[in-house]
């Protein structure tokens, strides 16, 4: 695969604070500009997001307002894309200058159909414990790919044949369908690999928005697991298992691999957040489990 034409698809909703910096980074890549298009799909913004996007004349701006989820917007963008390679990228991240070039290199390797790029984190000036925890435990693409042959779709490269075979993302959920879709792809026989060089940087979340995200993601996960063979009894037991306080081993491993030395001094406080996160996600799983088996109207 030598310099394929690439389509970068990004859903947006009320992103006026981040959209300009994001588009500046995406349109200024080391990959030849004539070899990729940038498609932004507005999902019903009520701020100045669309006006700011319109200032970037080389960016294709689409709208999807009937269903307000990132998956609906992604589907709209992917259906309009013309690239041999399709990329899903979140608007709240900043891709490195060589992000696109490195991702294409990884995808070009034999036996690779999808690539999940590295996600690293930026901290605020306060550098709170919630931000530390977010950077340690979440969007660990390498771990997600190694353990489950699935990953988040905020920094995802894939060949057009994957889209044509796997099809659209489910549109009604707000979270969790990234794992569902990528797991469906690997179950179809496509190969998903991790790419260290295709790096993007996210702002780490503070505790309250982090827990809101955990709950939202948790509500979408039962659909992924149950439709991939998990028994309802196992799902039910897993929800209640989260009441048991966690050990320290996971946190220690994450600090060693993704963290920094001073995090070890706050291990107890990070453990408390870890337990709170565990309880929060179990509530999300319970909601998703009930919703999955509720009569569809």
C-alpha atoms as a PDB file:
ATOM      1  CA  UNK A   1       0.000   0.000   0.000  1.00  0.00           C
ATOM      2  CA  UNK A   2       2.020   3.005  -1.291  1.00  0.00           C
ATOM      3  CA  UNK A   3       0.569   6.427  -0.462  1.00  0.00           C
ATOM      4  CA  UNK A   4      -3.106   5.416  -0.608  1.00  0.00           C
ATOM      5  CA  UNK A   5      -5.747   8.113  -0.639  1.00  0.00           C
ATOM      6  CA  UNK A   6      -7.063   8.513   2.895  1.00  0.00           C
ATOM      7  CA  UNK A   7     -10.323   9.811   4.401  1.00  0.00           C
ATOM      8  CA  UNK A   8     -10.225  11.166   7.967  1.00  0.00           C
ATOM      9  CA  UNK A   9     -13.722  11.263   9.508  1.00  0.00           C
ATOM     10  CA  UNK A  10     -14.518  13.200  12.679  1.00  0.00           C
ATOM     11  CA  UNK A  11     -17.921  13.674  14.360  1.00  0.00           C
ATOM     12  CA  UNK A  12     -18.410  16.969  16.216  1.00  0.00           C
ATOM     13  CA  UNK A  13     -20.947  18.431  18.605  1.00  0.00           C
ATOM     14  CA  UNK A  14     -20.519  21.857  20.226  1.00  0.00           C
ATOM     15  CA  UNK A  15     -16.759  21.755  19.747  1.00  0.00           C
ATOM     16  CA  UNK A  16     -16.007  25.460  19.300  1.00  0.00           C
ATOM     17  CA  UNK A  17     -13.282  25.345  21.973  1.00  0.00           C
ATOM     18  CA  UNK A  18     -11.275  22.626  20.258  1.00  0.00           C
ATOM     19  CA  UNK A  19     -12.163  22.549  16.565  1.00  0.00           C
ATOM     20  CA  UNK A  20      -9.647  25.112  15.264  1.00  0.00           C
ATOM     21  CA  UNK A  21      -6.619  23.570  16.969  1.00  0.00           C
ATOM     22  CA  UNK A  22      -7.799  20.121  15.902  1.00  0.00           C
ATOM     23  CA  UNK A  23      -8.215  21.046  12.243  1.00  0.00           C
ATOM     24  CA  UNK A  24      -4.896  22.885  12.182  1.00  0.00           C
ATOM     25  CA  UNK A  25      -3.178  19.712  13.415  1.00  0.00           C
ATOM     26  CA  UNK A  26      -5.049  17.368  11.049  1.00  0.00           C
ATOM     27  CA  UNK A  27      -4.498  19.478   7.955  1.00  0.00           C
ATOM     28  CA  UNK A  28      -0.787  19.985   8.706  1.00  0.00           C
ATOM     29  CA  UNK A  29       0.493  16.413   8.610  1.00  0.00           C
ATOM     30  CA  UNK A  30       3.731  15.030   7.164  1.00  0.00           C
ATOM     31  CA  UNK A  31       1.601  12.844   4.877  1.00  0.00           C
ATOM     32  CA  UNK A  32       1.087  14.556   1.466  1.00  0.00           C
ATOM     33  CA  UNK A  33      -1.903  16.880   1.751  1.00  0.00           C
ATOM     34  CA  UNK A  34      -3.164  15.957  -1.707  1.00  0.00           C
ATOM     35  CA  UNK A  35      -3.432  12.322  -0.603  1.00  0.00           C
ATOM     36  CA  UNK A  36      -6.011  12.746   2.145  1.00  0.00           C
ATOM     37  CA  UNK A  37      -9.364  14.390   2.757  1.00  0.00           C
ATOM     38  CA  UNK A  38     -10.779  15.590   6.070  1.00  0.00           C
ATOM     39  CA  UNK A  39     -14.514  15.085   6.635  1.00  0.00           C
ATOM     40  CA  UNK A  40     -16.176  16.663   9.665  1.00  0.00           C
ATOM     41  CA  UNK A  41     -19.765  15.675  10.455  1.00  0.00           C
ATOM     42  CA  UNK A  42     -21.680  18.079  12.669  1.00  0.00           C
ATOM     43  CA  UNK A  43     -24.149  16.280  14.915  1.00  0.00           C
ATOM     44  CA  UNK A  44     -26.434  19.204  15.713  1.00  0.00           C
ATOM     45  CA  UNK A  45     -24.135  21.804  17.272  1.00  0.00           C
ATOM     46  CA  UNK A  46     -25.772  24.902  18.767  1.00  0.00           C
ATOM     47  CA  UNK A  47     -22.593  26.951  19.206  1.00  0.00           C
ATOM     48  CA  UNK A  48     -20.176  28.349  16.600  1.00  0.00           C
ATOM     49  CA  UNK A  49     -18.659  25.014  15.618  1.00  0.00           C
ATOM     50  CA  UNK A  50     -19.971  24.977  12.050  1.00  0.00           C
ATOM     51  CA  UNK A  51     -18.933  28.572  11.348  1.00  0.00           C
ATOM     52  CA  UNK A  52     -15.405  27.817  12.515  1.00  0.00           C
ATOM     53  CA  UNK A  53     -15.212  24.692  10.344  1.00  0.00           C
ATOM     54  CA  UNK A  54     -16.340  26.673   7.305  1.00  0.00           C
ATOM     55  CA  UNK A  55     -13.182  28.785   7.605  1.00  0.00           C
ATOM     56  CA  UNK A  56     -11.187  25.692   6.601  1.00  0.00           C
ATOM     57  CA  UNK A  57     -12.097  25.577   2.916  1.00  0.00           C
ATOM     58  CA  UNK A  58     -10.258  22.288   2.300  1.00  0.00           C
ATOM     59  CA  UNK A  59     -12.382  20.485   4.928  1.00  0.00           C
ATOM     60  CA  UNK A  60     -15.622  18.748   3.882  1.00  0.00           C
ATOM     61  CA  UNK A  61     -18.418  19.686   6.273  1.00  0.00           C
ATOM     62  CA  UNK A  62     -21.445  17.402   6.507  1.00  0.00           C
ATOM     63  CA  UNK A  63     -24.421  17.360   8.865  1.00  0.00           C
ATOM     64  CA  UNK A  64     -26.305  14.584  10.664  1.00  0.00           C
ATOM     65  CA  UNK A  65     -28.989  15.841  13.016  1.00  0.00           C
ATOM     66  CA  UNK A  66     -31.760  13.222  13.079  1.00  0.00           C
ATOM     67  CA  UNK A  67     -29.831  10.968  15.515  1.00  0.00           C
ATOM     68  CA  UNK A  68     -27.524  12.671  17.999  1.00  0.00           C
ATOM     69  CA  UNK A  69     -24.802  10.127  18.668  1.00  0.00           C
ATOM     70  CA  UNK A  70     -21.180  10.052  17.483  1.00  0.00           C
ATOM     71  CA  UNK A  71     -21.867   6.735  15.742  1.00  0.00           C
ATOM     72  CA  UNK A  72     -24.595   8.230  13.562  1.00  0.00           C
ATOM     73  CA  UNK A  73     -22.226  11.041  12.576  1.00  0.00           C
ATOM     74  CA  UNK A  74     -19.426   8.565  11.886  1.00  0.00           C
ATOM     75  CA  UNK A  75     -21.677   6.508   9.626  1.00  0.00           C
ATOM     76  CA  UNK A  76     -22.586   9.596   7.640  1.00  0.00           C
ATOM     77  CA  UNK A  77     -18.939  10.542   7.191  1.00  0.00           C
ATOM     78  CA  UNK A  78     -17.816   7.030   6.278  1.00  0.00           C
ATOM     79  CA  UNK A  79     -20.563   6.707   3.685  1.00  0.00           C
ATOM     80  CA  UNK A  80     -19.367   9.925   2.020  1.00  0.00           C
ATOM     81  CA  UNK A  81     -15.659   9.059   2.215  1.00  0.00           C
ATOM     82  CA  UNK A  82     -13.768   8.091  -0.947  1.00  0.00           C
ATOM     83  CA  UNK A  83     -10.459   6.946   0.549  1.00  0.00           C
ATOM     84  CA  UNK A  84      -8.870   3.525   0.223  1.00  0.00           C
ATOM     85  CA  UNK A  85      -8.040   3.934   3.909  1.00  0.00           C
ATOM     86  CA  UNK A  86     -10.638   5.205   6.384  1.00  0.00           C
ATOM     87  CA  UNK A  87      -9.756   6.833   9.690  1.00  0.00           C
ATOM     88  CA  UNK A  88     -11.911   7.734  12.662  1.00  0.00           C
ATOM     89  CA  UNK A  89     -10.497  10.500  14.834  1.00  0.00           C
ATOM     90  CA  UNK A  90     -11.963  12.329  17.839  1.00  0.00           C
ATOM     91  CA  UNK A  91     -12.183  16.113  17.805  1.00  0.00           C
ATOM     92  CA  UNK A  92     -10.879  16.497  21.374  1.00  0.00           C
ATOM     93  CA  UNK A  93      -7.484  15.020  20.553  1.00  0.00           C
ATOM     94  CA  UNK A  94      -4.358  16.509  18.973  1.00  0.00           C
ATOM     95  CA  UNK A  95      -2.600  14.249  16.458  1.00  0.00           C
ATOM     96  CA  UNK A  96       1.193  14.434  16.279  1.00  0.00           C
ATOM     97  CA  UNK A  97       2.714  15.779  13.072  1.00  0.00           C
ATOM     98  CA  UNK A  98       3.667  12.283  11.841  1.00  0.00           C
ATOM     99  CA  UNK A  99       0.463  10.636  13.138  1.00  0.00           C
ATOM    100  CA  UNK A 100      -1.088   9.987   9.725  1.00  0.00           C
ATOM    101  CA  UNK A 101       2.124   8.868   8.046  1.00  0.00           C
ATOM    102  CA  UNK A 102       2.966   6.452  10.868  1.00  0.00           C
ATOM    103  CA  UNK A 103      -0.547   4.998  10.950  1.00  0.00           C
ATOM    104  CA  UNK A 104      -0.459   4.297   7.213  1.00  0.00           C
ATOM    105  CA  UNK A 105       2.928   2.584   7.603  1.00  0.00           C
ATOM    106  CA  UNK A 106       1.491   0.287  10.281  1.00  0.00           C
ATOM    107  CA  UNK A 107      -1.613  -0.449   8.216  1.00  0.00           C
ATOM    108  CA  UNK A 108       0.577  -1.270   5.193  1.00  0.00           C
ATOM    109  CA  UNK A 109       2.222  -4.203   6.972  1.00  0.00           C
ATOM    110  CA  UNK A 110       1.242  -7.628   5.723  1.00  0.00           C
ATOM    111  CA  UNK A 111      -1.691  -9.184   7.545  1.00  0.00           C
ATOM    112  CA  UNK A 112      -2.958  -5.897   9.006  1.00  0.00           C
ATOM    113  CA  UNK A 113      -6.484  -4.633   8.308  1.00  0.00           C
ATOM    114  CA  UNK A 114      -7.125  -2.258  11.198  1.00  0.00           C
ATOM    115  CA  UNK A 115      -4.777  -0.174  13.354  1.00  0.00           C
ATOM    116  CA  UNK A 116      -5.431   1.426  16.717  1.00  0.00           C
ATOM    117  CA  UNK A 117      -3.018   4.299  17.338  1.00  0.00           C
ATOM    118  CA  UNK A 118      -1.391   5.298  20.608  1.00  0.00           C
ATOM    119  CA  UNK A 119      -3.328   7.600  22.941  1.00  0.00           C
ATOM    120  CA  UNK A 120      -1.369   9.706  25.431  1.00  0.00           C
ATOM    121  CA  UNK A 121      -2.648  12.381  27.800  1.00  0.00           C
ATOM    122  CA  UNK A 122      -2.104  16.037  28.641  1.00  0.00           C
ATOM    123  CA  UNK A 123      -2.741  17.432  32.146  1.00  0.00           C
ATOM    124  CA  UNK A 124      -4.157  20.753  33.277  1.00  0.00           C
ATOM    125  CA  UNK A 125      -2.056  23.111  35.400  1.00  0.00           C
ATOM    126  CA  UNK A 126      -3.565  21.616  38.574  1.00  0.00           C
ATOM    127  CA  UNK A 127      -2.723  18.065  37.444  1.00  0.00           C
ATOM    128  CA  UNK A 128      -5.436  16.462  39.597  1.00  0.00           C
ATOM    129  CA  UNK A 129      -5.693  12.880  40.827  1.00  0.00           C
ATOM    130  CA  UNK A 130      -8.681  12.351  38.533  1.00  0.00           C
ATOM    131  CA  UNK A 131      -6.529  13.332  35.555  1.00  0.00           C
ATOM    132  CA  UNK A 132      -3.773  10.980  36.668  1.00  0.00           C
ATOM    133  CA  UNK A 133      -6.238   8.131  36.985  1.00  0.00           C
ATOM    134  CA  UNK A 134      -7.765   8.856  33.579  1.00  0.00           C
ATOM    135  CA  UNK A 135      -4.326   8.777  31.949  1.00  0.00           C
ATOM    136  CA  UNK A 136      -3.446   5.475  33.611  1.00  0.00           C
ATOM    137  CA  UNK A 137      -6.574   3.413  33.078  1.00  0.00           C
ATOM    138  CA  UNK A 138      -8.436   4.694  30.054  1.00  0.00           C
ATOM    139  CA  UNK A 139      -8.033   4.436  26.279  1.00  0.00           C
ATOM    140  CA  UNK A 140      -5.121   2.062  26.690  1.00  0.00           C
ATOM    141  CA  UNK A 141      -5.210   1.016  23.049  1.00  0.00           C
ATOM    142  CA  UNK A 142      -2.354  -1.465  23.270  1.00  0.00           C
ATOM    143  CA  UNK A 143      -3.965  -3.285  26.190  1.00  0.00           C
ATOM    144  CA  UNK A 144      -7.439  -3.293  24.597  1.00  0.00           C
ATOM    145  CA  UNK A 145      -6.071  -4.765  21.371  1.00  0.00           C
ATOM    146  CA  UNK A 146      -3.865  -7.350  23.069  1.00  0.00           C
ATOM    147  CA  UNK A 147      -6.547  -8.557  25.484  1.00  0.00           C
ATOM    148  CA  UNK A 148      -9.718  -8.384  23.425  1.00  0.00           C
ATOM    149  CA  UNK A 149      -9.043  -7.888  19.719  1.00  0.00           C
ATOM    150  CA  UNK A 150     -11.042  -4.664  19.948  1.00  0.00           C
ATOM    151  CA  UNK A 151     -10.369  -1.016  20.719  1.00  0.00           C
ATOM    152  CA  UNK A 152     -11.745   2.504  20.915  1.00  0.00           C
ATOM    153  CA  UNK A 153     -12.456   4.251  17.625  1.00  0.00           C
ATOM    154  CA  UNK A 154     -11.130   7.706  18.473  1.00  0.00           C
ATOM    155  CA  UNK A 155      -7.845   6.935  16.690  1.00  0.00           C
ATOM    156  CA  UNK A 156      -8.644   4.061  14.349  1.00  0.00           C
ATOM    157  CA  UNK A 157      -7.290   3.293  10.853  1.00  0.00           C
ATOM    158  CA  UNK A 158      -8.847   0.617   8.658  1.00  0.00           C
ATOM    159  CA  UNK A 159      -9.014  -0.513   5.048  1.00  0.00           C
ATOM    160  CA  UNK A 160     -12.141   0.104   3.019  1.00  0.00           C
ATOM    161  CA  UNK A 161     -12.797  -3.636   2.725  1.00  0.00           C
ATOM    162  CA  UNK A 162     -13.360  -3.743   6.512  1.00  0.00           C
ATOM    163  CA  UNK A 163     -16.088  -1.081   6.299  1.00  0.00           C
ATOM    164  CA  UNK A 164     -17.699  -2.827   3.333  1.00  0.00           C
ATOM    165  CA  UNK A 165     -17.809  -6.156   5.188  1.00  0.00           C
ATOM    166  CA  UNK A 166     -18.600  -5.086   8.775  1.00  0.00           C
ATOM    167  CA  UNK A 167     -20.982  -2.278   7.890  1.00  0.00           C
ATOM    168  CA  UNK A 168     -22.374   0.605   9.879  1.00  0.00           C
ATOM    169  CA  UNK A 169     -21.997   1.334  13.582  1.00  0.00           C
ATOM    170  CA  UNK A 170     -25.153   0.851  15.674  1.00  0.00           C
ATOM    171  CA  UNK A 171     -26.475   4.394  16.041  1.00  0.00           C
ATOM    172  CA  UNK A 172     -28.756   4.419  19.069  1.00  0.00           C
ATOM    173  CA  UNK A 173     -26.083   4.081  21.796  1.00  0.00           C
ATOM    174  CA  UNK A 174     -23.854   6.956  22.885  1.00  0.00           C
ATOM    175  CA  UNK A 175     -20.924   4.800  24.034  1.00  0.00           C
ATOM    176  CA  UNK A 176     -19.501   1.296  23.765  1.00  0.00           C
ATOM    177  CA  UNK A 177     -20.096   0.682  20.068  1.00  0.00           C
ATOM    178  CA  UNK A 178     -16.407   1.236  19.253  1.00  0.00           C
ATOM    179  CA  UNK A 179     -15.572  -2.040  21.005  1.00  0.00           C
ATOM    180  CA  UNK A 180     -18.615  -3.700  19.477  1.00  0.00           C
ATOM    181  CA  UNK A 181     -17.655  -2.716  15.921  1.00  0.00           C
ATOM    182  CA  UNK A 182     -13.950  -3.526  16.155  1.00  0.00           C
ATOM    183  CA  UNK A 183     -14.700  -6.837  17.879  1.00  0.00           C
ATOM    184  CA  UNK A 184     -17.141  -7.656  15.086  1.00  0.00           C
ATOM    185  CA  UNK A 185     -14.375  -6.906  12.573  1.00  0.00           C
ATOM    186  CA  UNK A 186     -11.875  -9.235  14.231  1.00  0.00           C
ATOM    187  CA  UNK A 187     -14.493 -11.968  14.527  1.00  0.00           C
ATOM    188  CA  UNK A 188     -14.941 -11.629  10.757  1.00  0.00           C
ATOM    189  CA  UNK A 189     -11.248 -12.493  10.411  1.00  0.00           C
ATOM    190  CA  UNK A 190      -9.747  -9.024  10.005  1.00  0.00           C
ATOM    191  CA  UNK A 191      -6.475  -8.358  11.839  1.00  0.00           C
ATOM    192  CA  UNK A 192      -6.272  -5.480  14.312  1.00  0.00           C
ATOM    193  CA  UNK A 193      -2.826  -4.209  15.363  1.00  0.00           C
ATOM    194  CA  UNK A 194      -1.469  -1.532  17.688  1.00  0.00           C
ATOM    195  CA  UNK A 195       0.620   1.358  16.314  1.00  0.00           C
ATOM    196  CA  UNK A 196       2.901   3.249  18.690  1.00  0.00           C
ATOM    197  CA  UNK A 197       3.837   5.885  16.113  1.00  0.00           C
ATOM    198  CA  UNK A 198       0.281   6.944  15.238  1.00  0.00           C
ATOM    199  CA  UNK A 199       0.011   8.996  18.416  1.00  0.00           C
ATOM    200  CA  UNK A 200      -2.648  11.472  19.463  1.00  0.00           C
ATOM    201  CA  UNK A 201      -2.850  13.399  22.724  1.00  0.00           C
ATOM    202  CA  UNK A 202      -6.041  13.845  24.751  1.00  0.00           C
ATOM    203  CA  UNK A 203      -6.702  16.212  27.656  1.00  0.00           C
ATOM    204  CA  UNK A 204      -7.086  14.039  30.748  1.00  0.00           C
ATOM    205  CA  UNK A 205     -10.475  14.294  32.467  1.00  0.00           C
ATOM    206  CA  UNK A 206     -10.991  15.458  36.021  1.00  0.00           C
ATOM    207  CA  UNK A 207     -12.910  13.186  38.380  1.00  0.00           C
ATOM    208  CA  UNK A 208     -16.532  14.239  37.819  1.00  0.00           C
ATOM    209  CA  UNK A 209     -16.510  14.162  33.998  1.00  0.00           C
ATOM    210  CA  UNK A 210     -14.431  10.993  34.174  1.00  0.00           C
ATOM    211  CA  UNK A 211     -17.075   9.172  36.225  1.00  0.00           C
ATOM    212  CA  UNK A 212     -19.835  10.413  33.902  1.00  0.00           C
ATOM    213  CA  UNK A 213     -17.886   8.969  30.983  1.00  0.00           C
ATOM    214  CA  UNK A 214     -17.344   5.671  32.845  1.00  0.00           C
ATOM    215  CA  UNK A 215     -21.079   5.315  33.487  1.00  0.00           C
ATOM    216  CA  UNK A 216     -21.973   6.135  29.884  1.00  0.00           C
ATOM    217  CA  UNK A 217     -19.439   3.678  28.475  1.00  0.00           C
ATOM    218  CA  UNK A 218     -20.614   1.040  30.939  1.00  0.00           C
ATOM    219  CA  UNK A 219     -24.186   1.229  29.663  1.00  0.00           C
ATOM    220  CA  UNK A 220     -23.040   0.261  26.161  1.00  0.00           C
ATOM    221  CA  UNK A 221     -20.760  -2.633  27.074  1.00  0.00           C
ATOM    222  CA  UNK A 222     -23.378  -5.315  27.899  1.00  0.00           C
ATOM    223  CA  UNK A 223     -24.599  -5.213  24.292  1.00  0.00           C
ATOM    224  CA  UNK A 224     -21.044  -5.834  23.087  1.00  0.00           C
ATOM    225  CA  UNK A 225     -20.440  -8.758  25.426  1.00  0.00           C
ATOM    226  CA  UNK A 226     -23.844 -10.421  25.220  1.00  0.00           C
ATOM    227  CA  UNK A 227     -23.837 -10.322  21.430  1.00  0.00           C
ATOM    228  CA  UNK A 228     -20.344 -11.823  21.414  1.00  0.00           C
ATOM    229  CA  UNK A 229     -21.267 -14.901  23.424  1.00  0.00           C
ATOM    230  CA  UNK A 230     -21.227 -13.891  27.105  1.00  0.00           C
ATOM    231  CA  UNK A 231     -23.976 -15.617  29.062  1.00  0.00           C
ATOM    232  CA  UNK A 232     -26.517 -13.460  30.912  1.00  0.00           C
ATOM    233  CA  UNK A 233     -25.598 -15.223  34.161  1.00  0.00           C
ATOM    234  CA  UNK A 234     -21.926 -14.335  33.751  1.00  0.00           C
ATOM    235  CA  UNK A 235     -22.863 -10.731  32.975  1.00  0.00           C
ATOM    236  CA  UNK A 236     -25.091 -10.621  36.055  1.00  0.00           C
ATOM    237  CA  UNK A 237     -22.321 -12.005  38.279  1.00  0.00           C
ATOM    238  CA  UNK A 238     -19.782  -9.614  36.795  1.00  0.00           C
ATOM    239  CA  UNK A 239     -21.940  -6.662  37.823  1.00  0.00           C
ATOM    240  CA  UNK A 240     -22.017  -7.789  41.457  1.00  0.00           C
ATOM    241  CA  UNK A 241     -18.351  -8.778  41.457  1.00  0.00           C
ATOM    242  CA  UNK A 242     -17.457  -5.087  41.175  1.00  0.00           C
ATOM    243  CA  UNK A 243     -18.587  -4.572  44.788  1.00  0.00           C
ATOM    244  CA  UNK A 244     -15.436  -6.394  45.920  1.00  0.00           C
ATOM    245  CA  UNK A 245     -12.639  -3.830  46.511  1.00  0.00           C
ATOM    246  CA  UNK A 246      -9.854  -4.147  43.934  1.00  0.00           C
ATOM    247  CA  UNK A 247      -6.247  -4.985  44.653  1.00  0.00           C
ATOM    248  CA  UNK A 248      -3.320  -2.718  43.938  1.00  0.00           C
ATOM    249  CA  UNK A 249      -1.637  -4.789  41.245  1.00  0.00           C
ATOM    250  CA  UNK A 250      -3.476  -3.252  38.277  1.00  0.00           C
ATOM    251  CA  UNK A 251      -2.654   0.282  39.355  1.00  0.00           C
ATOM    252  CA  UNK A 252       0.989  -0.577  39.988  1.00  0.00           C
ATOM    253  CA  UNK A 253       1.304  -2.153  36.551  1.00  0.00           C
ATOM    254  CA  UNK A 254      -0.326   0.831  34.852  1.00  0.00           C
ATOM    255  CA  UNK A 255       1.916   3.306  36.677  1.00  0.00           C
ATOM    256  CA  UNK A 256       4.956   1.317  35.624  1.00  0.00           C
ATOM    257  CA  UNK A 257       3.866   1.234  31.977  1.00  0.00           C
ATOM    258  CA  UNK A 258       1.994   4.519  31.474  1.00  0.00           C
ATOM    259  CA  UNK A 259       2.592   6.706  34.522  1.00  0.00           C
ATOM    260  CA  UNK A 260       5.308   8.653  36.237  1.00  0.00           C
ATOM    261  CA  UNK A 261       7.271   8.166  39.440  1.00  0.00           C
ATOM    262  CA  UNK A 262       5.349  10.631  41.658  1.00  0.00           C
ATOM    263  CA  UNK A 263       2.132   8.673  41.108  1.00  0.00           C
ATOM    264  CA  UNK A 264       3.497   5.968  43.394  1.00  0.00           C
ATOM    265  CA  UNK A 265       3.314   8.422  46.318  1.00  0.00           C
ATOM    266  CA  UNK A 266      -0.454   8.809  45.762  1.00  0.00           C
ATOM    267  CA  UNK A 267      -1.194   5.126  45.308  1.00  0.00           C
ATOM    268  CA  UNK A 268      -3.797   5.052  48.114  1.00  0.00           C
ATOM    269  CA  UNK A 269      -5.773   7.982  46.728  1.00  0.00           C
ATOM    270  CA  UNK A 270      -5.612   6.545  43.218  1.00  0.00           C
ATOM    271  CA  UNK A 271      -6.858   3.240  44.618  1.00  0.00           C
ATOM    272  CA  UNK A 272      -9.930   4.988  46.100  1.00  0.00           C
ATOM    273  CA  UNK A 273     -10.710   6.494  42.703  1.00  0.00           C
ATOM    274  CA  UNK A 274     -10.183   3.058  41.169  1.00  0.00           C
ATOM    275  CA  UNK A 275     -12.776   1.543  43.500  1.00  0.00           C
ATOM    276  CA  UNK A 276     -15.218   4.410  42.882  1.00  0.00           C
ATOM    277  CA  UNK A 277     -14.765   3.902  39.152  1.00  0.00           C
ATOM    278  CA  UNK A 278     -15.394   0.175  39.593  1.00  0.00           C
ATOM    279  CA  UNK A 279     -18.684   0.822  41.403  1.00  0.00           C
ATOM    280  CA  UNK A 280     -19.724   3.414  38.812  1.00  0.00           C
ATOM    281  CA  UNK A 281     -19.117   1.130  35.860  1.00  0.00           C
ATOM    282  CA  UNK A 282     -21.079  -1.664  37.555  1.00  0.00           C
ATOM    283  CA  UNK A 283     -24.071   0.695  37.722  1.00  0.00           C
ATOM    284  CA  UNK A 284     -23.608   1.418  34.027  1.00  0.00           C
ATOM    285  CA  UNK A 285     -23.438  -2.297  33.265  1.00  0.00           C
ATOM    286  CA  UNK A 286     -26.636  -2.876  35.265  1.00  0.00           C
ATOM    287  CA  UNK A 287     -28.441  -0.174  33.290  1.00  0.00           C
ATOM    288  CA  UNK A 288     -27.153  -1.571  29.982  1.00  0.00           C
ATOM    289  CA  UNK A 289     -28.056  -5.139  30.994  1.00  0.00           C
ATOM    290  CA  UNK A 290     -31.630  -4.144  31.887  1.00  0.00           C
ATOM    291  CA  UNK A 291     -31.992  -2.092  28.726  1.00  0.00           C
ATOM    292  CA  UNK A 292     -30.703  -4.947  26.554  1.00  0.00           C
ATOM    293  CA  UNK A 293     -33.421  -7.311  27.794  1.00  0.00           C
ATOM    294  CA  UNK A 294     -36.201  -4.707  28.038  1.00  0.00           C
ATOM    295  CA  UNK A 295     -38.986  -5.051  25.459  1.00  0.00           C
ATOM    296  CA  UNK A 296     -38.202  -2.946  22.420  1.00  0.00           C
ATOM    297  CA  UNK A 297     -40.919  -0.414  21.703  1.00  0.00           C
END
